[in-house]
Amino acid sequence: MIGNFFHTPGTKKFRITPRFWDPDKDERDERERRIKEELGIVDEKKDSNRPYRPNIKGQFRSGDNWARSSESARRAQNRRLVWIVIVLALVLYLFFFSDFFA
């Protein structure tokens, strides 16, 4: 126990696994794209009916109406606070001004 009291842990090492990048594959893909463009071949994407949305920040809240709006959430929070204050005032009144707890 005393030995562990003075022990300080070592530093944590930063480890990152590098991503593999193949310049030959990039060059080959670009060449294929240019050839297909020259021949008029069109690649169809699998989900072409939905638009691409690169930034999904905040879309979980605003996407569907399953979440409460901020106004209704604020009203519920205010209502809860009023109930807590009322119960606390009642307990304090019973504790200090009545013989209920005596």
N, C-alpha and C. Protein backbone atom coordinates (compact mmCIF):
# COMPACT_ATOMS: atom_id res chain seq x y z
N MET A 1 0.82 -1.19 0.00
CA MET A 1 0.00 0.00 0.00
C MET A 1 0.87 1.25 0.00
N ILE A 2 1.92 1.26 0.81
CA ILE A 2 2.79 2.43 0.88
C ILE A 2 3.56 2.59 -0.43
N GLY A 3 3.94 1.47 -1.05
CA GLY A 3 4.66 1.53 -2.32
C GLY A 3 3.80 2.14 -3.42
N ASN A 4 2.50 1.87 -3.41
CA ASN A 4 1.60 2.43 -4.41
C ASN A 4 1.29 3.90 -4.13
N PHE A 5 1.47 4.34 -2.91
CA PHE A 5 1.16 5.72 -2.55
C PHE A 5 2.12 6.69 -3.23
N PHE A 6 3.38 6.33 -3.33
CA PHE A 6 4.36 7.21 -3.93
C PHE A 6 4.59 6.95 -5.42
N HIS A 7 3.91 5.98 -5.97
CA HIS A 7 4.09 5.63 -7.39
C HIS A 7 3.35 6.63 -8.27
N THR A 8 4.03 7.17 -9.25
CA THR A 8 3.36 8.04 -10.23
C THR A 8 3.34 7.31 -11.56
N PRO A 9 2.22 7.31 -12.23
CA PRO A 9 2.13 6.59 -13.50
C PRO A 9 2.97 7.27 -14.57
N GLY A 10 3.42 6.48 -15.53
CA GLY A 10 4.22 7.01 -16.62
C GLY A 10 3.36 7.80 -17.60
N THR A 11 4.01 8.45 -18.52
CA THR A 11 3.29 9.24 -19.50
C THR A 11 2.62 8.33 -20.51
N LYS A 12 1.50 8.78 -21.04
CA LYS A 12 0.82 8.02 -22.07
C LYS A 12 1.42 8.39 -23.42
N LYS A 13 1.60 7.40 -24.23
CA LYS A 13 2.19 7.62 -25.54
C LYS A 13 1.10 7.85 -26.57
N PHE A 14 1.38 8.74 -27.50
CA PHE A 14 0.44 9.02 -28.58
C PHE A 14 0.70 8.04 -29.71
N ARG A 15 -0.34 7.28 -30.05
CA ARG A 15 -0.21 6.31 -31.13
C ARG A 15 -1.28 6.60 -32.16
N ILE A 16 -0.86 6.72 -33.39
CA ILE A 16 -1.81 6.90 -34.48
C ILE A 16 -1.42 5.94 -35.59
N THR A 17 -2.40 5.24 -36.11
CA THR A 17 -2.11 4.35 -37.21
C THR A 17 -2.28 5.13 -38.51
N PRO A 18 -1.25 5.22 -39.30
CA PRO A 18 -1.36 6.01 -40.53
C PRO A 18 -2.31 5.36 -41.53
N ARG A 19 -3.01 6.16 -42.27
CA ARG A 19 -3.89 5.66 -43.31
C ARG A 19 -3.05 5.35 -44.54
N PHE A 20 -3.44 4.31 -45.20
CA PHE A 20 -2.70 3.91 -46.38
C PHE A 20 -3.19 4.72 -47.57
N TRP A 21 -2.27 5.29 -48.31
CA TRP A 21 -2.61 6.07 -49.49
C TRP A 21 -1.87 5.48 -50.66
N ASP A 22 -2.61 5.12 -51.67
CA ASP A 22 -2.03 4.52 -52.86
C ASP A 22 -2.12 5.51 -54.01
N PRO A 23 -1.03 6.19 -54.35
CA PRO A 23 -1.09 7.17 -55.45
C PRO A 23 -1.39 6.51 -56.79
N ASP A 24 -0.97 5.25 -56.97
CA ASP A 24 -1.26 4.56 -58.23
C ASP A 24 -2.76 4.35 -58.40
N LYS A 25 -3.45 4.00 -57.30
CA LYS A 25 -4.90 3.80 -57.38
C LYS A 25 -5.60 5.11 -57.68
N ASP A 26 -5.16 6.21 -57.05
CA ASP A 26 -5.76 7.51 -57.34
C ASP A 26 -5.58 7.88 -58.81
N GLU A 27 -4.39 7.64 -59.31
CA GLU A 27 -4.12 7.94 -60.72
C GLU A 27 -4.98 7.08 -61.64
N ARG A 28 -5.12 5.79 -61.31
CA ARG A 28 -5.92 4.87 -62.11
C ARG A 28 -7.40 5.29 -62.08
N ASP A 29 -7.91 5.65 -60.90
CA ASP A 29 -9.30 6.09 -60.80
C ASP A 29 -9.56 7.36 -61.60
N GLU A 30 -8.63 8.28 -61.57
CA GLU A 30 -8.77 9.52 -62.33
C GLU A 30 -8.75 9.23 -63.83
N ARG A 31 -7.87 8.33 -64.26
CA ARG A 31 -7.80 7.97 -65.66
C ARG A 31 -9.09 7.29 -66.11
N GLU A 32 -9.64 6.38 -65.28
CA GLU A 32 -10.91 5.72 -65.60
C GLU A 32 -12.04 6.74 -65.69
N ARG A 33 -12.05 7.72 -64.79
CA ARG A 33 -13.09 8.73 -64.81
C ARG A 33 -13.02 9.55 -66.10
N ARG A 34 -11.82 9.94 -66.52
CA ARG A 34 -11.67 10.72 -67.76
C ARG A 34 -12.11 9.91 -68.98
N ILE A 35 -11.74 8.62 -69.01
CA ILE A 35 -12.12 7.78 -70.15
C ILE A 35 -13.62 7.60 -70.20
N LYS A 36 -14.25 7.35 -69.04
CA LYS A 36 -15.70 7.21 -69.01
C LYS A 36 -16.39 8.50 -69.42
N GLU A 37 -15.82 9.62 -69.04
CA GLU A 37 -16.39 10.92 -69.42
C GLU A 37 -16.29 11.13 -70.93
N GLU A 38 -15.18 10.74 -71.52
CA GLU A 38 -15.01 10.88 -72.97
C GLU A 38 -15.95 9.96 -73.74
N LEU A 39 -16.19 8.75 -73.23
CA LEU A 39 -17.06 7.81 -73.91
C LEU A 39 -18.54 8.05 -73.61
N GLY A 40 -18.84 8.89 -72.63
CA GLY A 40 -20.23 9.20 -72.28
C GLY A 40 -20.86 8.19 -71.35
N ILE A 41 -20.06 7.41 -70.67
CA ILE A 41 -20.58 6.43 -69.70
C ILE A 41 -20.81 7.16 -68.39
N VAL A 42 -22.02 6.99 -67.84
CA VAL A 42 -22.38 7.68 -66.61
C VAL A 42 -22.47 6.66 -65.49
N ASP A 43 -21.76 6.93 -64.41
CA ASP A 43 -21.87 6.09 -63.22
C ASP A 43 -23.08 6.53 -62.42
N GLU A 44 -23.96 5.58 -62.13
CA GLU A 44 -25.12 5.90 -61.30
C GLU A 44 -24.78 5.57 -59.86
N LYS A 45 -25.11 6.47 -59.01
CA LYS A 45 -24.85 6.24 -57.58
C LYS A 45 -26.02 5.47 -56.99
N LYS A 46 -25.75 4.76 -55.89
CA LYS A 46 -26.78 3.93 -55.28
C LYS A 46 -27.90 4.75 -54.66
N ASP A 47 -27.56 5.81 -53.96
CA ASP A 47 -28.56 6.67 -53.30
C ASP A 47 -28.64 8.01 -54.02
N SER A 48 -28.94 7.98 -55.30
CA SER A 48 -28.99 9.22 -56.06
C SER A 48 -30.25 10.03 -55.79
N ASN A 49 -31.29 9.42 -55.18
CA ASN A 49 -32.52 10.16 -54.93
C ASN A 49 -32.44 11.05 -53.70
N ARG A 50 -31.46 10.81 -52.82
CA ARG A 50 -31.31 11.65 -51.64
C ARG A 50 -30.12 12.58 -51.82
N PRO A 51 -30.28 13.84 -51.46
CA PRO A 51 -29.14 14.76 -51.60
C PRO A 51 -28.08 14.48 -50.54
N TYR A 52 -26.86 14.74 -50.88
CA TYR A 52 -25.75 14.54 -49.96
C TYR A 52 -25.71 15.68 -48.96
N ARG A 53 -25.62 15.35 -47.69
CA ARG A 53 -25.56 16.36 -46.64
C ARG A 53 -24.24 16.19 -45.90
N PRO A 54 -23.26 17.02 -46.18
CA PRO A 54 -21.95 16.82 -45.58
C PRO A 54 -21.88 17.17 -44.10
N ASN A 55 -22.71 18.07 -43.64
CA ASN A 55 -22.65 18.52 -42.25
C ASN A 55 -23.89 18.04 -41.53
N ILE A 56 -23.73 17.09 -40.60
CA ILE A 56 -24.90 16.55 -39.91
C ILE A 56 -25.10 17.17 -38.54
N LYS A 57 -24.36 18.23 -38.25
CA LYS A 57 -24.46 18.86 -36.94
C LYS A 57 -25.86 19.42 -36.74
N GLY A 58 -26.53 18.99 -35.70
CA GLY A 58 -27.85 19.50 -35.36
C GLY A 58 -28.98 18.85 -36.12
N GLN A 59 -28.72 17.92 -37.00
CA GLN A 59 -29.80 17.33 -37.78
C GLN A 59 -30.58 16.28 -37.01
N PHE A 60 -30.01 15.73 -35.95
CA PHE A 60 -30.75 14.77 -35.15
C PHE A 60 -31.89 15.44 -34.42
N ARG A 61 -31.69 16.68 -34.00
CA ARG A 61 -32.76 17.40 -33.31
C ARG A 61 -33.78 17.97 -34.28
N SER A 62 -33.32 18.57 -35.35
CA SER A 62 -34.23 19.31 -36.21
C SER A 62 -34.81 18.46 -37.33
N GLY A 63 -34.31 17.26 -37.54
CA GLY A 63 -34.76 16.45 -38.66
C GLY A 63 -36.19 15.97 -38.52
N ASP A 64 -36.55 15.45 -37.40
CA ASP A 64 -37.90 14.93 -37.19
C ASP A 64 -38.57 15.69 -36.06
N ASN A 65 -39.84 15.49 -35.92
CA ASN A 65 -40.58 16.18 -34.86
C ASN A 65 -40.72 15.33 -33.62
N TRP A 66 -39.85 14.33 -33.46
CA TRP A 66 -39.95 13.47 -32.28
C TRP A 66 -39.42 14.16 -31.05
N ALA A 67 -38.56 15.14 -31.19
CA ALA A 67 -38.00 15.85 -30.05
C ALA A 67 -38.88 17.04 -29.71
N ARG A 68 -38.89 17.40 -28.44
CA ARG A 68 -39.66 18.57 -28.02
C ARG A 68 -39.00 19.85 -28.51
N SER A 69 -39.83 20.83 -28.75
CA SER A 69 -39.25 22.12 -29.11
C SER A 69 -38.64 22.75 -27.87
N SER A 70 -37.78 23.69 -28.08
CA SER A 70 -37.09 24.29 -26.94
C SER A 70 -38.06 25.06 -26.05
N GLU A 71 -39.10 25.64 -26.64
CA GLU A 71 -40.06 26.40 -25.84
C GLU A 71 -40.85 25.48 -24.91
N SER A 72 -41.31 24.34 -25.41
CA SER A 72 -42.07 23.43 -24.55
C SER A 72 -41.17 22.81 -23.49
N ALA A 73 -39.91 22.56 -23.83
CA ALA A 73 -38.98 22.02 -22.84
C ALA A 73 -38.72 23.05 -21.74
N ARG A 74 -38.61 24.31 -22.12
CA ARG A 74 -38.39 25.37 -21.13
C ARG A 74 -39.60 25.52 -20.22
N ARG A 75 -40.80 25.41 -20.77
CA ARG A 75 -42.01 25.50 -19.94
C ARG A 75 -42.07 24.35 -18.94
N ALA A 76 -41.74 23.14 -19.40
CA ALA A 76 -41.75 21.98 -18.51
C ALA A 76 -40.72 22.14 -17.40
N GLN A 77 -39.57 22.68 -17.74
CA GLN A 77 -38.53 22.90 -16.73
C GLN A 77 -38.97 23.96 -15.71
N ASN A 78 -39.60 25.02 -16.17
CA ASN A 78 -40.08 26.05 -15.25
C ASN A 78 -41.17 25.51 -14.34
N ARG A 79 -42.07 24.69 -14.89
CA ARG A 79 -43.14 24.08 -14.10
C ARG A 79 -42.55 23.18 -13.02
N ARG A 80 -41.55 22.40 -13.37
CA ARG A 80 -40.88 21.52 -12.42
C ARG A 80 -40.22 22.32 -11.31
N LEU A 81 -39.59 23.44 -11.67
CA LEU A 81 -38.93 24.29 -10.68
C LEU A 81 -39.94 24.88 -9.71
N VAL A 82 -41.10 25.30 -10.21
CA VAL A 82 -42.14 25.85 -9.33
C VAL A 82 -42.61 24.78 -8.35
N TRP A 83 -42.81 23.55 -8.82
CA TRP A 83 -43.24 22.49 -7.92
C TRP A 83 -42.19 22.20 -6.85
N ILE A 84 -40.93 22.21 -7.22
CA ILE A 84 -39.87 21.96 -6.24
C ILE A 84 -39.84 23.06 -5.19
N VAL A 85 -39.99 24.30 -5.60
CA VAL A 85 -40.00 25.43 -4.66
C VAL A 85 -41.19 25.32 -3.71
N ILE A 86 -42.36 24.93 -4.24
CA ILE A 86 -43.56 24.80 -3.40
C ILE A 86 -43.37 23.69 -2.36
N VAL A 87 -42.86 22.55 -2.78
CA VAL A 87 -42.65 21.43 -1.85
C VAL A 87 -41.60 21.81 -0.81
N LEU A 88 -40.53 22.46 -1.23
CA LEU A 88 -39.50 22.88 -0.29
C LEU A 88 -40.03 23.89 0.72
N ALA A 89 -40.85 24.84 0.26
CA ALA A 89 -41.44 25.82 1.17
C ALA A 89 -42.36 25.14 2.17
N LEU A 90 -43.13 24.16 1.72
CA LEU A 90 -44.02 23.43 2.62
C LEU A 90 -43.23 22.66 3.68
N VAL A 91 -42.16 22.00 3.27
CA VAL A 91 -41.33 21.26 4.23
C VAL A 91 -40.69 22.21 5.23
N LEU A 92 -40.17 23.34 4.76
CA LEU A 92 -39.56 24.31 5.67
C LEU A 92 -40.59 24.90 6.63
N TYR A 93 -41.81 25.17 6.18
CA TYR A 93 -42.86 25.68 7.04
C TYR A 93 -43.20 24.66 8.12
N LEU A 94 -43.36 23.39 7.69
CA LEU A 94 -43.68 22.36 8.67
C LEU A 94 -42.53 22.16 9.67
N PHE A 95 -41.31 22.30 9.23
CA PHE A 95 -40.16 22.10 10.09
C PHE A 95 -40.00 23.23 11.11
N PHE A 96 -40.17 24.49 10.69
CA PHE A 96 -39.90 25.61 11.57
C PHE A 96 -41.12 26.14 12.32
N PHE A 97 -42.30 26.12 11.72
CA PHE A 97 -43.45 26.80 12.32
C PHE A 97 -44.57 25.87 12.82
N SER A 98 -44.38 24.59 12.75
CA SER A 98 -45.44 23.71 13.29
C SER A 98 -44.81 22.65 14.18
N ASP A 99 -45.65 21.97 14.89
CA ASP A 99 -45.18 20.95 15.82
C ASP A 99 -45.28 19.56 15.14
N PHE A 100 -45.26 19.53 13.84
CA PHE A 100 -45.39 18.28 13.09
C PHE A 100 -44.19 17.37 13.31
N PHE A 101 -42.96 17.96 13.34
CA PHE A 101 -41.75 17.18 13.50
C PHE A 101 -41.26 17.15 14.95
N ALA A 102 -41.96 17.74 15.84
CA ALA A 102 -41.49 17.81 17.22
C ALA A 102 -41.82 16.61 18.03
